[in-house]
C-alpha cells in the first residue's frame, strides 16, 4: 500500500480546503478590496454545484456560506468521516463497506428532500444539516478506500481485497 497514505492525505487536505472555501466565501465577500473579489469568485464557483438560496444556508455576519446548509453538511460530514477513517478502518486496508450502509445513510436525506419537490413542506435548516452530515460522513468510507484502490491499481501496485487475503477469489482458472 505504497500510495495509500499519500492518497489519503491528498483527500484529507482537499476536503479541508473545500470546506475552508465554503466558509471563506462570505468572509472574503464581506471584506474590502481584492478579498471581496475572491469571495465573489468563490460564490460563482459554488453556484455551479449548489442553488445557494440564502434562506437555506448557514451564514457568517449576515452573508450565506458558499453553499446551502445541506451541501455544507455533506462536505463537512465528508471531512469529518475522512478524519475518522484511518482510526476506524486503517488506511492500508481499502475494503469497501457494504453498499447497504450507503443506502441507509441516503434515506434520511431523501426523506428530507423528497417532500419539498412536491410542495408538501419545507425542511428546516437543522434537518438539512443533520441528514446531509450523515450522508457526507458515510461517503468518506466509500470514497477514501475506492480512491486508494484506484491509485494503487493505476500505479501498478496490487491491492489485496479482504477476499484475496483470505484466499477466496472469483477468478477462474483457464488451462
C-alpha atoms as a PDB file:
ATOM      1  CA  UNK A   1       0.000   0.000   0.000  1.00  0.00           C
ATOM      2  CA  UNK A   2       2.745   2.306  -1.081  1.00  0.00           C
ATOM      3  CA  UNK A   3       0.344   5.034  -2.186  1.00  0.00           C
ATOM      4  CA  UNK A   4      -2.339   4.649   0.491  1.00  0.00           C
ATOM      5  CA  UNK A   5      -1.100   7.304   2.917  1.00  0.00           C
ATOM      6  CA  UNK A   6      -0.392   9.780   0.136  1.00  0.00           C
ATOM      7  CA  UNK A   7      -3.824   9.247  -1.417  1.00  0.00           C
ATOM      8  CA  UNK A   8      -5.498   9.576   1.962  1.00  0.00           C
ATOM      9  CA  UNK A   9      -3.534  12.763   2.727  1.00  0.00           C
ATOM     10  CA  UNK A  10      -4.493  14.332  -0.594  1.00  0.00           C
ATOM     11  CA  UNK A  11      -8.171  13.574   0.014  1.00  0.00           C
ATOM     12  CA  UNK A  12      -7.979  14.956   3.566  1.00  0.00           C
ATOM     13  CA  UNK A  13      -6.236  18.178   2.504  1.00  0.00           C
ATOM     14  CA  UNK A  14      -8.619  18.562  -0.438  1.00  0.00           C
ATOM     15  CA  UNK A  15     -11.662  18.154   1.806  1.00  0.00           C
ATOM     16  CA  UNK A  16     -10.236  20.654   4.303  1.00  0.00           C
ATOM     17  CA  UNK A  17      -9.572  23.224   1.571  1.00  0.00           C
ATOM     18  CA  UNK A  18     -13.041  22.669   0.103  1.00  0.00           C
ATOM     19  CA  UNK A  19     -14.687  23.255   3.498  1.00  0.00           C
ATOM     20  CA  UNK A  20     -12.485  26.293   4.114  1.00  0.00           C
ATOM     21  CA  UNK A  21     -13.541  27.766   0.767  1.00  0.00           C
ATOM     22  CA  UNK A  22     -17.221  27.334   1.723  1.00  0.00           C
ATOM     23  CA  UNK A  23     -16.674  29.413   4.864  1.00  0.00           C
ATOM     24  CA  UNK A  24     -14.253  31.856   3.237  1.00  0.00           C
ATOM     25  CA  UNK A  25     -16.761  32.868   0.552  1.00  0.00           C
ATOM     26  CA  UNK A  26     -18.831  35.072   2.896  1.00  0.00           C
ATOM     27  CA  UNK A  27     -15.798  36.195   4.914  1.00  0.00           C
ATOM     28  CA  UNK A  28     -13.983  37.375   1.797  1.00  0.00           C
ATOM     29  CA  UNK A  29     -17.101  38.824   0.120  1.00  0.00           C
ATOM     30  CA  UNK A  30     -17.706  40.994   3.197  1.00  0.00           C
ATOM     31  CA  UNK A  31     -14.120  42.290   3.103  1.00  0.00           C
ATOM     32  CA  UNK A  32     -12.878  45.266   1.096  1.00  0.00           C
ATOM     33  CA  UNK A  33     -10.596  45.217  -1.923  1.00  0.00           C
ATOM     34  CA  UNK A  34      -9.171  42.109  -3.507  1.00  0.00           C
ATOM     35  CA  UNK A  35     -10.653  39.823  -0.846  1.00  0.00           C
ATOM     36  CA  UNK A  36     -14.138  40.883  -1.906  1.00  0.00           C
ATOM     37  CA  UNK A  37     -13.304  39.785  -5.451  1.00  0.00           C
ATOM     38  CA  UNK A  38     -12.007  36.456  -4.156  1.00  0.00           C
ATOM     39  CA  UNK A  39     -15.262  35.951  -2.246  1.00  0.00           C
ATOM     40  CA  UNK A  40     -17.323  36.679  -5.354  1.00  0.00           C
ATOM     41  CA  UNK A  41     -15.225  34.179  -7.331  1.00  0.00           C
ATOM     42  CA  UNK A  42     -15.857  31.538  -4.650  1.00  0.00           C
ATOM     43  CA  UNK A  43     -19.600  32.231  -4.751  1.00  0.00           C
ATOM     44  CA  UNK A  44     -19.569  31.943  -8.561  1.00  0.00           C
ATOM     45  CA  UNK A  45     -17.626  28.671  -8.362  1.00  0.00           C
ATOM     46  CA  UNK A  46     -20.003  27.139  -5.813  1.00  0.00           C
ATOM     47  CA  UNK A  47     -23.046  28.361  -7.742  1.00  0.00           C
ATOM     48  CA  UNK A  48     -22.340  25.705 -10.363  1.00  0.00           C
ATOM     49  CA  UNK A  49     -22.897  22.949  -7.760  1.00  0.00           C
ATOM     50  CA  UNK A  50     -25.469  24.471  -5.371  1.00  0.00           C
ATOM     51  CA  UNK A  51     -28.568  26.654  -5.617  1.00  0.00           C
ATOM     52  CA  UNK A  52     -27.195  28.945  -2.864  1.00  0.00           C
ATOM     53  CA  UNK A  53     -30.617  30.017  -1.603  1.00  0.00           C
ATOM     54  CA  UNK A  54     -29.809  32.314   1.338  1.00  0.00           C
ATOM     55  CA  UNK A  55     -32.773  31.148   3.435  1.00  0.00           C
ATOM     56  CA  UNK A  56     -31.478  27.580   3.233  1.00  0.00           C
ATOM     57  CA  UNK A  57     -27.902  28.435   4.169  1.00  0.00           C
ATOM     58  CA  UNK A  58     -25.800  28.982   7.233  1.00  0.00           C
ATOM     59  CA  UNK A  59     -24.320  32.444   7.374  1.00  0.00           C
ATOM     60  CA  UNK A  60     -21.486  34.459   8.839  1.00  0.00           C
ATOM     61  CA  UNK A  61     -22.114  38.132   9.551  1.00  0.00           C
ATOM     62  CA  UNK A  62     -25.332  38.037   7.557  1.00  0.00           C
ATOM     63  CA  UNK A  63     -23.613  36.571   4.483  1.00  0.00           C
ATOM     64  CA  UNK A  64     -24.550  32.994   3.452  1.00  0.00           C
ATOM     65  CA  UNK A  65     -21.941  30.255   3.144  1.00  0.00           C
ATOM     66  CA  UNK A  66     -20.781  29.383  -0.374  1.00  0.00           C
ATOM     67  CA  UNK A  67     -23.281  26.504  -0.431  1.00  0.00           C
ATOM     68  CA  UNK A  68     -26.602  25.729   1.261  1.00  0.00           C
ATOM     69  CA  UNK A  69     -26.866  24.035   4.652  1.00  0.00           C
ATOM     70  CA  UNK A  70     -27.417  20.549   3.187  1.00  0.00           C
ATOM     71  CA  UNK A  71     -24.428  20.798   0.835  1.00  0.00           C
ATOM     72  CA  UNK A  72     -22.247  22.303   3.578  1.00  0.00           C
ATOM     73  CA  UNK A  73     -23.228  19.470   5.922  1.00  0.00           C
ATOM     74  CA  UNK A  74     -22.407  16.861   3.270  1.00  0.00           C
ATOM     75  CA  UNK A  75     -18.959  18.390   2.700  1.00  0.00           C
ATOM     76  CA  UNK A  76     -18.178  18.930   6.385  1.00  0.00           C
ATOM     77  CA  UNK A  77     -19.526  15.441   7.158  1.00  0.00           C
ATOM     78  CA  UNK A  78     -17.235  14.031   4.473  1.00  0.00           C
ATOM     79  CA  UNK A  79     -14.300  15.900   6.005  1.00  0.00           C
ATOM     80  CA  UNK A  80     -15.164  14.510   9.463  1.00  0.00           C
ATOM     81  CA  UNK A  81     -15.526  10.994   8.051  1.00  0.00           C
ATOM     82  CA  UNK A  82     -12.180  11.336   6.295  1.00  0.00           C
ATOM     83  CA  UNK A  83     -10.560  12.424   9.567  1.00  0.00           C
ATOM     84  CA  UNK A  84     -12.030   9.403  11.369  1.00  0.00           C
ATOM     85  CA  UNK A  85     -11.411   6.889   8.565  1.00  0.00           C
ATOM     86  CA  UNK A  86      -7.843   5.796   9.468  1.00  0.00           C
ATOM     87  CA  UNK A  87      -8.876   5.124  13.068  1.00  0.00           C
ATOM     88  CA  UNK A  88     -11.959   3.146  12.068  1.00  0.00           C
ATOM     89  CA  UNK A  89     -10.709   1.179   9.061  1.00  0.00           C
ATOM     90  CA  UNK A  90      -6.988   1.748   8.587  1.00  0.00           C
ATOM     91  CA  UNK A  91      -5.580   3.475   5.525  1.00  0.00           C
ATOM     92  CA  UNK A  92      -3.742   0.386   4.302  1.00  0.00           C
ATOM     93  CA  UNK A  93      -6.981  -1.607   4.204  1.00  0.00           C
ATOM     94  CA  UNK A  94      -9.014  -0.275   1.279  1.00  0.00           C
ATOM     95  CA  UNK A  95     -12.018  -2.557   1.717  1.00  0.00           C
ATOM     96  CA  UNK A  96     -15.344  -1.010   0.794  1.00  0.00           C
ATOM     97  CA  UNK A  97     -18.201  -1.447   3.253  1.00  0.00           C
ATOM     98  CA  UNK A  98     -21.478  -2.954   2.140  1.00  0.00           C
ATOM     99  CA  UNK A  99     -23.491  -0.713  -0.172  1.00  0.00           C
ATOM    100  CA  UNK A 100     -26.337  -1.195   2.252  1.00  0.00           C
ATOM    101  CA  UNK A 101     -24.643   1.334   4.576  1.00  0.00           C
ATOM    102  CA  UNK A 102     -24.639   3.934   1.800  1.00  0.00           C
ATOM    103  CA  UNK A 103     -28.287   3.247   1.064  1.00  0.00           C
ATOM    104  CA  UNK A 104     -29.208   3.570   4.747  1.00  0.00           C
ATOM    105  CA  UNK A 105     -27.241   6.830   5.041  1.00  0.00           C
ATOM    106  CA  UNK A 106     -29.013   8.203   1.953  1.00  0.00           C
ATOM    107  CA  UNK A 107     -32.529   7.521   3.236  1.00  0.00           C
ATOM    108  CA  UNK A 108     -32.711  10.453   5.718  1.00  0.00           C
ATOM    109  CA  UNK A 109     -31.575  12.921   3.043  1.00  0.00           C
ATOM    110  CA  UNK A 110     -34.058  11.523   0.532  1.00  0.00           C
ATOM    111  CA  UNK A 111     -36.887  11.642   3.086  1.00  0.00           C
ATOM    112  CA  UNK A 112     -35.917  15.214   3.979  1.00  0.00           C
ATOM    113  CA  UNK A 113     -35.645  16.447   0.370  1.00  0.00           C
ATOM    114  CA  UNK A 114     -38.381  14.477  -1.415  1.00  0.00           C
ATOM    115  CA  UNK A 115     -41.489  16.243   0.002  1.00  0.00           C
ATOM    116  CA  UNK A 116     -40.011  19.610  -0.965  1.00  0.00           C
ATOM    117  CA  UNK A 117     -40.195  18.599  -4.644  1.00  0.00           C
ATOM    118  CA  UNK A 118     -43.944  18.225  -4.325  1.00  0.00           C
ATOM    119  CA  UNK A 119     -44.512  21.297  -2.171  1.00  0.00           C
ATOM    120  CA  UNK A 120     -45.556  19.192   0.817  1.00  0.00           C
ATOM    121  CA  UNK A 121     -43.362  21.004   3.339  1.00  0.00           C
ATOM    122  CA  UNK A 122     -40.171  22.986   3.611  1.00  0.00           C
ATOM    123  CA  UNK A 123     -37.438  21.203   5.584  1.00  0.00           C
ATOM    124  CA  UNK A 124     -35.762  23.169   8.344  1.00  0.00           C
ATOM    125  CA  UNK A 125     -32.122  24.148   8.039  1.00  0.00           C
ATOM    126  CA  UNK A 126     -31.296  21.930  11.022  1.00  0.00           C
ATOM    127  CA  UNK A 127     -32.842  18.830   9.434  1.00  0.00           C
ATOM    128  CA  UNK A 128     -30.993  19.556   6.181  1.00  0.00           C
ATOM    129  CA  UNK A 129     -27.740  19.798   8.124  1.00  0.00           C
ATOM    130  CA  UNK A 130     -28.293  16.601  10.116  1.00  0.00           C
ATOM    131  CA  UNK A 131     -29.346  14.473   7.161  1.00  0.00           C
ATOM    132  CA  UNK A 132     -26.577  15.897   4.962  1.00  0.00           C
ATOM    133  CA  UNK A 133     -23.900  15.257   7.564  1.00  0.00           C
ATOM    134  CA  UNK A 134     -24.965  11.609   7.912  1.00  0.00           C
ATOM    135  CA  UNK A 135     -24.637  11.142   4.165  1.00  0.00           C
ATOM    136  CA  UNK A 136     -21.330  13.025   3.913  1.00  0.00           C
ATOM    137  CA  UNK A 137     -19.763  11.138   6.805  1.00  0.00           C
ATOM    138  CA  UNK A 138     -20.742   7.803   5.275  1.00  0.00           C
ATOM    139  CA  UNK A 139     -19.485   8.781   1.813  1.00  0.00           C
ATOM    140  CA  UNK A 140     -15.954   9.100   3.196  1.00  0.00           C
ATOM    141  CA  UNK A 141     -15.937   5.373   3.980  1.00  0.00           C
ATOM    142  CA  UNK A 142     -16.656   4.643   0.311  1.00  0.00           C
ATOM    143  CA  UNK A 143     -14.660   7.357  -1.459  1.00  0.00           C
ATOM    144  CA  UNK A 144     -11.406   7.046   0.525  1.00  0.00           C
ATOM    145  CA  UNK A 145     -10.920   3.286   0.020  1.00  0.00           C
ATOM    146  CA  UNK A 146     -12.106   3.491  -3.598  1.00  0.00           C
ATOM    147  CA  UNK A 147      -9.555   6.229  -4.293  1.00  0.00           C
ATOM    148  CA  UNK A 148      -6.772   4.297  -2.554  1.00  0.00           C
ATOM    149  CA  UNK A 149      -7.578   1.207  -4.608  1.00  0.00           C
ATOM    150  CA  UNK A 150      -7.795   3.205  -7.837  1.00  0.00           C
ATOM    151  CA  UNK A 151      -4.461   4.945  -7.287  1.00  0.00           C
ATOM    152  CA  UNK A 152      -2.809   1.662  -6.337  1.00  0.00           C
ATOM    153  CA  UNK A 153      -4.128  -0.019  -9.460  1.00  0.00           C
ATOM    154  CA  UNK A 154      -3.171   2.914 -11.698  1.00  0.00           C
ATOM    155  CA  UNK A 155       0.308   2.916 -10.193  1.00  0.00           C
ATOM    156  CA  UNK A 156       0.612  -0.791 -10.906  1.00  0.00           C
ATOM    157  CA  UNK A 157       0.763  -1.972  -7.322  1.00  0.00           C
ATOM    158  CA  UNK A 158      -1.518  -4.776  -6.358  1.00  0.00           C
ATOM    159  CA  UNK A 159      -4.215  -4.110  -3.784  1.00  0.00           C
ATOM    160  CA  UNK A 160      -5.411  -7.171  -1.913  1.00  0.00           C
ATOM    161  CA  UNK A 161      -9.052  -7.195  -1.032  1.00  0.00           C
ATOM    162  CA  UNK A 162     -10.324  -8.966   2.049  1.00  0.00           C
ATOM    163  CA  UNK A 163     -11.290 -11.963  -0.095  1.00  0.00           C
ATOM    164  CA  UNK A 164      -7.905 -12.187  -1.783  1.00  0.00           C
ATOM    165  CA  UNK A 165      -6.117 -12.069   1.591  1.00  0.00           C
ATOM    166  CA  UNK A 166      -8.264 -14.977   2.760  1.00  0.00           C
ATOM    167  CA  UNK A 167      -7.526 -16.918  -0.428  1.00  0.00           C
ATOM    168  CA  UNK A 168     -11.028 -16.592  -1.837  1.00  0.00           C
ATOM    169  CA  UNK A 169     -11.233 -15.374  -5.414  1.00  0.00           C
ATOM    170  CA  UNK A 170     -13.842 -15.072  -8.090  1.00  0.00           C
ATOM    171  CA  UNK A 171     -11.193 -15.548 -10.766  1.00  0.00           C
ATOM    172  CA  UNK A 172     -11.490 -18.648 -12.913  1.00  0.00           C
ATOM    173  CA  UNK A 173      -8.539 -20.679 -13.890  1.00  0.00           C
ATOM    174  CA  UNK A 174      -8.066 -21.492 -17.563  1.00  0.00           C
ATOM    175  CA  UNK A 175      -5.858 -24.199 -18.997  1.00  0.00           C
END
